[in-house]
Amino acid sequence: MKTIKGPAIFLAQFIRDEAPYNTLDGITSWVADLGYKGVQIPSWDDHLIDLKLAATSKTYCDELRGKVESKGLEIVELAAYLQGQVIAIHPAYETMFDAFYPKGLTTKARTEWATDQLIMTIKASANFYTKNISVLSGGFAWHTMYPWPQRPDGLIQEAFKELVTRWMPVLNFARENNITIGYELHPGSDLFDGATYEMFLEMSGDHPSACITYDPSHMLLQQMDYIRFIDLFSDKIKAFHVKDAEFNPTGRVGVYGGFQSWIKRAGRFRSLGDGQVDFKRIFSLLTERNYDGWAILEWEDCIKSPEQGAAEGAGFIRSQIINSTEVSFDDFAGNTTSTERNRKILGISD
């Protein structure tokens, strides 16, 4: 068994236009002082990275990695959530997602832009020697998630066929570079649970680069069995977002939230330790299943400040990491044996 690496932190939620959160040098100094050992960098944010340069210049990547390592940190991976969502957007959502992509793009140009961004992220990842890129899938069918009005036959198959078509060039390029694409199963995208991931995987021909970034918070809010999920998909989990959540249904709101603000919803994201996710069981099972990766804090909380969430998160993750061992607790009772001895213990005589 391998020991899970960590704690690491996803920097996206902490970037602001003020020091120390507005530069890579400043924000990495801050998280290093909090006790983190790794950073997941959002590839879309030019506060932290020049993606085009990272895709074309190994020298730039070596210099940037050196700056991060000088703080006692590792670059865990690049994330491309925004670009992944943009690769496939239903027209009903293109206005609400318009902060994710350059203004003035046609539908075709928007998909081409997202594909190019993902290809650059793969090239940059190869230059950084990282092995996974966490993404959202985007999609066309989310507005039909609830089966009323009834979905016409073939509707979901057509949506997933187009989704696979758009992702296939990215997946193939990732495979050529020995990199996986970790789909975070996320409501609002067409890959949002195990069943939708399986549909995508089947239609992509079980593509080896189509993997998973595991985030139990989204599963808890869907009332999924996020522990059983590990049993089913552990071989596909290439990244792990440690994010907490709680689900407290009332007589007024349930899974769908009643169009309420986050603080008034039954399902809410919480800082680590403030929610209901059973991280002890998750860390145990991932360790048993030989998960070879990082535990990465993703902070979202409608009550607590990001500074407090980040400060508490490093210690929380550290307390969950299991130092795996091959030493058995009852080794002292062991003894050499033989077939003859075993047969004697079993009461079998010749």
Protein backbone atom coordinates (compact mmCIF):
# COMPACT_ATOMS: atom_id res chain seq x y z
CA MET A 1 0.00 0.00 0.00
CA LYS A 2 1.11 3.55 -0.71
CA THR A 3 0.85 6.49 1.68
CA ILE A 4 -1.35 9.26 0.28
CA LYS A 5 0.65 12.43 -0.31
CA GLY A 6 -0.37 15.73 1.22
CA PRO A 7 -1.62 18.06 2.29
CA ALA A 8 -2.02 19.94 -1.00
CA ILE A 9 -4.32 22.83 -1.83
CA PHE A 10 -6.23 23.96 -4.93
CA LEU A 11 -5.37 27.63 -5.33
CA ALA A 12 -8.36 28.76 -7.43
CA GLN A 13 -10.65 29.80 -4.57
CA PHE A 14 -7.98 31.90 -2.86
CA ILE A 15 -6.80 34.14 -5.72
CA ARG A 16 -7.61 37.84 -5.31
CA ASP A 17 -6.28 41.15 -6.61
CA GLU A 18 -4.45 41.83 -3.36
CA ALA A 19 -1.27 40.52 -1.79
CA PRO A 20 -0.34 37.83 -1.00
CA TYR A 21 -3.09 36.20 -3.08
CA ASN A 22 -2.42 37.90 -6.43
CA THR A 23 0.91 36.30 -7.43
CA LEU A 24 2.30 32.79 -7.48
CA ASP A 25 5.18 33.87 -5.27
CA GLY A 26 2.87 35.42 -2.69
CA ILE A 27 0.21 32.73 -2.55
CA THR A 28 2.71 29.86 -2.41
CA SER A 29 4.53 31.54 0.48
CA TRP A 30 1.18 31.86 2.27
CA VAL A 31 0.14 28.21 1.81
CA ALA A 32 3.62 26.93 2.66
CA ASP A 33 3.46 28.82 5.96
CA LEU A 34 0.13 27.09 6.64
CA GLY A 35 1.78 23.69 6.27
CA TYR A 36 0.82 22.62 2.76
CA LYS A 37 3.22 20.51 0.70
CA GLY A 38 1.67 20.74 -2.74
CA VAL A 39 -0.36 23.08 -4.96
CA GLN A 40 -2.89 22.44 -7.69
CA ILE A 41 -2.69 25.37 -10.12
CA PRO A 42 -5.68 26.63 -12.14
CA SER A 43 -4.36 26.81 -15.68
CA TRP A 44 -6.75 29.59 -16.68
CA ASP A 45 -5.57 32.20 -14.17
CA ASP A 46 -2.75 34.44 -15.37
CA HIS A 47 -2.10 35.62 -11.83
CA LEU A 48 -0.29 32.31 -11.41
CA ILE A 49 0.69 30.92 -14.80
CA ASP A 50 1.16 31.87 -18.45
CA LEU A 51 -0.42 28.79 -19.99
CA LYS A 52 0.73 29.46 -23.55
CA LEU A 53 4.30 29.93 -22.39
CA ALA A 54 4.11 26.86 -20.15
CA ALA A 55 2.94 24.81 -23.16
CA THR A 56 5.83 25.94 -25.34
CA SER A 57 8.77 26.54 -23.00
CA LYS A 58 10.23 23.86 -20.78
CA THR A 59 12.64 26.49 -19.47
CA TYR A 60 9.72 28.58 -18.19
CA CYS A 61 8.21 25.50 -16.52
CA ASP A 62 11.52 24.56 -14.92
CA GLU A 63 11.88 28.09 -13.54
CA LEU A 64 8.32 28.20 -12.24
CA ARG A 65 8.62 24.76 -10.69
CA GLY A 66 11.89 25.81 -9.08
CA LYS A 67 10.23 28.84 -7.49
CA VAL A 68 7.48 26.66 -6.06
CA GLU A 69 9.92 24.03 -4.80
CA SER A 70 12.00 26.73 -3.09
CA LYS A 71 9.00 27.17 -0.76
CA GLY A 72 9.01 23.47 0.12
CA LEU A 73 6.07 22.79 -2.22
CA GLU A 74 5.40 20.59 -5.25
CA ILE A 75 3.22 21.34 -8.24
CA VAL A 76 0.69 18.53 -7.89
CA GLU A 77 -1.13 19.15 -11.17
CA LEU A 78 -2.74 21.74 -13.40
CA ALA A 79 -6.53 22.07 -13.34
CA ALA A 80 -8.64 23.05 -16.36
CA TYR A 81 -12.17 23.18 -14.98
CA LEU A 82 -13.27 26.28 -16.87
CA GLN A 83 -11.94 25.11 -20.22
CA GLY A 84 -13.50 21.68 -19.75
CA GLN A 85 -16.91 23.16 -19.07
CA VAL A 86 -16.62 25.39 -22.14
CA ILE A 87 -15.87 22.54 -24.55
CA ALA A 88 -19.59 21.68 -24.51
CA ILE A 89 -22.15 24.29 -23.38
CA HIS A 90 -25.88 24.11 -23.99
CA PRO A 91 -27.17 27.47 -25.34
CA ALA A 92 -29.28 27.93 -22.19
CA TYR A 93 -26.06 28.29 -20.18
CA GLU A 94 -23.73 30.15 -22.52
CA THR A 95 -24.58 33.53 -20.98
CA MET A 96 -24.15 32.37 -17.39
CA PHE A 97 -20.80 30.77 -18.31
CA ASP A 98 -19.56 33.78 -20.32
CA ALA A 99 -16.93 34.60 -17.68
CA PHE A 100 -15.26 31.27 -18.54
CA TYR A 101 -14.24 32.16 -22.12
CA PRO A 102 -13.22 35.14 -24.29
CA LYS A 103 -16.03 37.40 -25.38
CA GLY A 104 -17.39 37.38 -28.91
CA LEU A 105 -16.79 33.72 -29.77
CA THR A 106 -19.24 31.79 -31.90
CA THR A 107 -20.32 28.37 -30.68
CA LYS A 108 -17.80 26.67 -32.96
CA ALA A 109 -15.01 29.09 -32.04
CA ARG A 110 -15.77 28.61 -28.34
CA THR A 111 -15.31 24.84 -28.61
CA GLU A 112 -12.11 25.33 -30.62
CA TRP A 113 -10.80 27.74 -27.98
CA ALA A 114 -11.54 25.28 -25.16
CA THR A 115 -9.93 22.40 -27.06
CA ASP A 116 -6.81 24.47 -27.71
CA GLN A 117 -6.66 25.45 -24.04
CA LEU A 118 -6.90 21.79 -22.97
CA ILE A 119 -4.20 20.76 -25.46
CA MET A 120 -1.95 23.51 -24.08
CA THR A 121 -2.66 22.30 -20.54
CA ILE A 122 -1.56 18.80 -21.56
CA LYS A 123 1.65 20.16 -23.07
CA ALA A 124 2.31 22.24 -19.97
CA SER A 125 1.62 19.26 -17.71
CA ALA A 126 4.18 17.23 -19.65
CA ASN A 127 6.68 20.04 -19.12
CA PHE A 128 5.93 20.06 -15.38
CA TYR A 129 6.10 16.22 -15.21
CA THR A 130 2.59 16.04 -13.73
CA LYS A 131 0.31 13.18 -14.70
CA ASN A 132 -3.34 14.28 -14.33
CA ILE A 133 -5.48 17.27 -15.29
CA SER A 134 -8.70 17.83 -13.34
CA VAL A 135 -11.64 19.07 -15.43
CA LEU A 136 -15.39 19.42 -15.69
CA SER A 137 -16.92 17.68 -18.69
CA GLY A 138 -19.34 20.32 -19.89
CA GLY A 139 -22.46 18.95 -21.49
CA PHE A 140 -25.69 19.27 -23.37
CA ALA A 141 -28.23 17.29 -21.34
CA TRP A 142 -28.08 18.76 -17.83
CA HIS A 143 -31.30 20.74 -18.36
CA THR A 144 -33.09 17.38 -18.80
CA MET A 145 -31.64 15.94 -15.58
CA TYR A 146 -35.08 15.59 -13.98
CA PRO A 147 -37.12 13.21 -16.18
CA TRP A 148 -40.10 15.50 -16.63
CA PRO A 149 -41.02 16.37 -19.27
CA GLN A 150 -40.19 12.87 -20.37
CA ARG A 151 -37.00 12.60 -22.36
CA PRO A 152 -37.40 11.38 -25.97
CA ASP A 153 -35.75 8.07 -26.76
CA GLY A 154 -32.16 8.54 -27.87
CA LEU A 155 -31.82 12.06 -26.42
CA ILE A 156 -29.17 11.21 -23.82
CA GLN A 157 -27.31 8.93 -26.22
CA GLU A 158 -27.10 11.79 -28.73
CA ALA A 159 -25.83 14.17 -26.05
CA PHE A 160 -23.11 11.76 -24.94
CA LYS A 161 -22.16 10.93 -28.51
CA GLU A 162 -21.47 14.62 -29.17
CA LEU A 163 -19.72 15.04 -25.81
CA VAL A 164 -17.36 12.15 -26.59
CA THR A 165 -16.73 13.52 -30.08
CA ARG A 166 -15.62 16.86 -28.63
CA TRP A 167 -13.42 15.31 -25.96
CA MET A 168 -11.79 12.62 -28.10
CA PRO A 169 -8.99 14.80 -29.57
CA VAL A 170 -8.09 15.91 -26.05
CA LEU A 171 -8.19 12.37 -24.66
CA ASN A 172 -6.08 11.03 -27.51
CA PHE A 173 -3.47 13.77 -27.09
CA ALA A 174 -3.42 13.14 -23.34
CA ARG A 175 -2.80 9.43 -23.95
CA GLU A 176 0.08 10.25 -26.30
CA ASN A 177 1.65 12.26 -23.49
CA ASN A 178 0.98 9.68 -20.73
CA ILE A 179 -1.46 12.02 -18.97
CA THR A 180 -4.94 11.33 -17.64
CA ILE A 181 -7.98 13.60 -17.71
CA GLY A 182 -9.64 13.51 -14.29
CA TYR A 183 -13.34 14.30 -14.69
CA GLU A 184 -14.71 15.73 -11.47
CA LEU A 185 -18.25 14.37 -11.37
CA HIS A 186 -20.12 17.61 -10.85
CA PRO A 187 -23.78 18.63 -11.16
CA GLY A 188 -24.15 21.12 -14.00
CA SER A 189 -21.97 18.92 -16.22
CA ASP A 190 -23.21 15.82 -18.00
CA LEU A 191 -20.70 13.70 -16.07
CA PHE A 192 -22.07 14.11 -12.57
CA ASP A 193 -22.24 10.60 -11.06
CA GLY A 194 -21.00 7.06 -11.59
CA ALA A 195 -23.68 6.12 -14.11
CA THR A 196 -22.99 9.11 -16.37
CA TYR A 197 -19.25 8.49 -16.15
CA GLU A 198 -19.80 4.86 -17.18
CA MET A 199 -21.88 5.99 -20.17
CA PHE A 200 -19.12 8.34 -21.28
CA LEU A 201 -16.45 5.69 -20.73
CA GLU A 202 -18.36 3.11 -22.77
CA MET A 203 -18.99 5.49 -25.65
CA SER A 204 -15.32 6.54 -25.67
CA GLY A 205 -14.24 2.91 -26.06
CA ASP A 206 -13.06 2.71 -22.44
CA HIS A 207 -10.48 5.37 -23.21
CA PRO A 208 -7.49 4.93 -20.85
CA SER A 209 -7.12 8.69 -20.32
CA ALA A 210 -10.76 9.18 -19.28
CA CYS A 211 -10.34 9.02 -15.50
CA ILE A 212 -11.78 10.59 -12.34
CA THR A 213 -10.96 13.34 -9.89
CA TYR A 214 -12.77 12.11 -6.78
CA ASP A 215 -14.71 14.71 -4.77
CA PRO A 216 -17.09 13.21 -2.19
CA SER A 217 -18.83 16.52 -1.45
CA HIS A 218 -20.73 16.51 -4.76
CA MET A 219 -21.76 12.91 -4.13
CA LEU A 220 -23.03 13.61 -0.63
CA LEU A 221 -25.18 16.46 -1.95
CA GLN A 222 -26.67 14.00 -4.46
CA GLN A 223 -27.15 11.47 -1.62
CA MET A 224 -24.85 8.99 -3.35
CA ASP A 225 -22.86 6.31 -1.54
CA TYR A 226 -19.46 7.98 -1.94
CA ILE A 227 -17.74 5.12 -0.08
CA ARG A 228 -19.13 2.43 -2.38
CA PHE A 229 -18.08 4.65 -5.29
CA ILE A 230 -14.42 4.03 -4.34
CA ASP A 231 -15.06 0.27 -4.42
CA LEU A 232 -16.48 0.60 -7.93
CA PHE A 233 -14.05 3.07 -9.48
CA SER A 234 -10.80 3.05 -7.48
CA ASP A 235 -8.75 2.09 -10.53
CA LYS A 236 -9.95 5.26 -12.29
CA ILE A 237 -9.35 7.74 -9.44
CA LYS A 238 -6.26 9.81 -10.28
CA ALA A 239 -6.84 12.86 -8.05
CA PHE A 240 -8.67 13.49 -4.77
CA HIS A 241 -10.31 16.75 -3.72
CA VAL A 242 -10.78 16.84 0.03
CA LYS A 243 -13.95 18.93 0.29
CA ASP A 244 -16.62 18.67 2.95
CA ALA A 245 -20.40 19.09 2.70
CA GLU A 246 -23.57 18.55 4.65
CA PHE A 247 -27.14 17.62 3.74
CA ASN A 248 -29.86 18.62 6.20
CA PRO A 249 -33.28 18.39 4.52
CA THR A 250 -36.17 20.28 6.06
CA GLY A 251 -39.90 20.57 5.53
CA ARG A 252 -39.13 23.30 3.01
CA VAL A 253 -36.05 22.27 1.01
CA GLY A 254 -34.32 19.10 -0.11
CA VAL A 255 -31.87 18.01 -2.81
CA TYR A 256 -32.99 20.67 -5.30
CA GLY A 257 -32.52 23.57 -2.89
CA GLY A 258 -35.70 25.56 -3.54
CA PHE A 259 -33.80 28.25 -5.51
CA GLN A 260 -32.36 29.42 -2.20
CA SER A 261 -28.93 30.90 -1.53
CA TRP A 262 -26.25 28.46 -0.44
CA ILE A 263 -26.69 29.26 3.23
CA LYS A 264 -30.40 28.38 3.06
CA ARG A 265 -30.04 25.16 1.08
CA ALA A 266 -30.38 21.69 2.59
CA GLY A 267 -27.13 20.73 0.86
CA ARG A 268 -24.16 23.01 1.54
CA PHE A 269 -20.40 22.86 1.06
CA ARG A 270 -18.48 23.22 4.30
CA SER A 271 -14.91 23.65 5.49
CA LEU A 272 -13.10 20.47 6.41
CA GLY A 273 -14.43 18.91 9.58
CA ASP A 274 -17.58 21.05 9.64
CA GLY A 275 -19.62 18.79 7.36
CA GLN A 276 -20.76 15.19 7.21
CA VAL A 277 -18.28 13.51 4.87
CA ASP A 278 -16.66 10.45 6.48
CA PHE A 279 -13.05 11.24 5.62
CA LYS A 280 -11.62 8.60 7.95
CA ARG A 281 -13.37 5.91 5.93
CA ILE A 282 -12.37 7.55 2.63
CA PHE A 283 -8.68 7.82 3.53
CA SER A 284 -8.68 4.25 4.82
CA LEU A 285 -10.30 2.86 1.68
CA LEU A 286 -8.15 4.88 -0.73
CA THR A 287 -5.06 3.69 1.11
CA GLU A 288 -6.29 0.07 0.95
CA ARG A 289 -6.91 0.52 -2.78
CA ASN A 290 -3.36 1.82 -3.26
CA TYR A 291 -4.34 5.32 -4.39
CA ASP A 292 -1.07 6.83 -5.61
CA GLY A 293 -1.70 10.55 -5.43
CA TRP A 294 -2.34 13.66 -3.37
CA ALA A 295 -5.04 14.74 -0.95
CA ILE A 296 -5.91 18.23 -2.21
CA LEU A 297 -7.97 20.72 -0.22
CA GLU A 298 -10.72 22.38 -2.25
CA TRP A 299 -12.29 24.99 -0.04
CA GLU A 300 -15.88 26.19 -0.41
CA ASP A 301 -17.98 27.26 2.56
CA CYS A 302 -20.94 29.63 2.81
CA ILE A 303 -20.16 30.50 6.46
CA LYS A 304 -16.43 30.36 7.20
CA SER A 305 -13.76 32.61 5.69
CA PRO A 306 -11.31 31.20 3.14
CA GLU A 307 -8.37 32.17 5.36
CA GLN A 308 -9.74 30.13 8.26
CA GLY A 309 -10.71 27.26 5.99
CA ALA A 310 -7.21 27.09 4.50
CA ALA A 311 -5.52 27.39 7.88
CA GLU A 312 -7.58 24.56 9.36
CA GLY A 313 -7.44 22.41 6.24
CA ALA A 314 -3.74 21.56 6.28
CA GLY A 315 -3.85 20.05 9.76
CA PHE A 316 -7.13 18.27 9.05
CA ILE A 317 -5.73 16.53 5.98
CA ARG A 318 -2.50 15.69 7.77
CA SER A 319 -4.51 14.03 10.56
CA GLN A 320 -6.34 11.81 8.04
CA ILE A 321 -3.32 10.56 6.11
CA ILE A 322 -2.45 6.98 6.99
CA ASN A 323 1.22 5.98 7.10
CA SER A 324 0.74 2.67 5.36
CA THR A 325 2.72 -0.37 6.41
CA GLU A 326 3.33 -3.96 5.41
CA VAL A 327 4.09 -4.93 9.01
CA SER A 328 1.40 -7.11 10.58
CA PHE A 329 0.37 -6.36 14.15
CA ASP A 330 0.58 -10.06 15.09
CA ASP A 331 3.94 -10.86 13.49
CA PHE A 332 5.26 -11.86 16.93
CA ALA A 333 2.99 -14.90 16.85
CA GLY A 334 4.23 -16.13 13.51
CA ASN A 335 6.11 -19.38 13.05
CA THR A 336 7.65 -21.32 10.24
CA THR A 337 5.39 -23.96 8.86
CA SER A 338 5.21 -26.84 6.47
CA THR A 339 2.62 -28.98 4.75
CA GLU A 340 3.05 -31.63 7.42
CA ARG A 341 2.51 -29.06 10.21
CA ASN A 342 -0.53 -27.56 8.50
CA ARG A 343 -2.13 -30.98 8.08
CA LYS A 344 -1.52 -31.70 11.76
CA ILE A 345 -3.26 -28.43 12.76
CA LEU A 346 -6.21 -29.38 10.55
CA GLY A 347 -6.43 -32.84 12.11
CA ILE A 348 -5.67 -34.56 8.82
CA SER A 349 -3.71 -37.77 9.19
CA ASP A 350 -2.08 -39.76 6.42
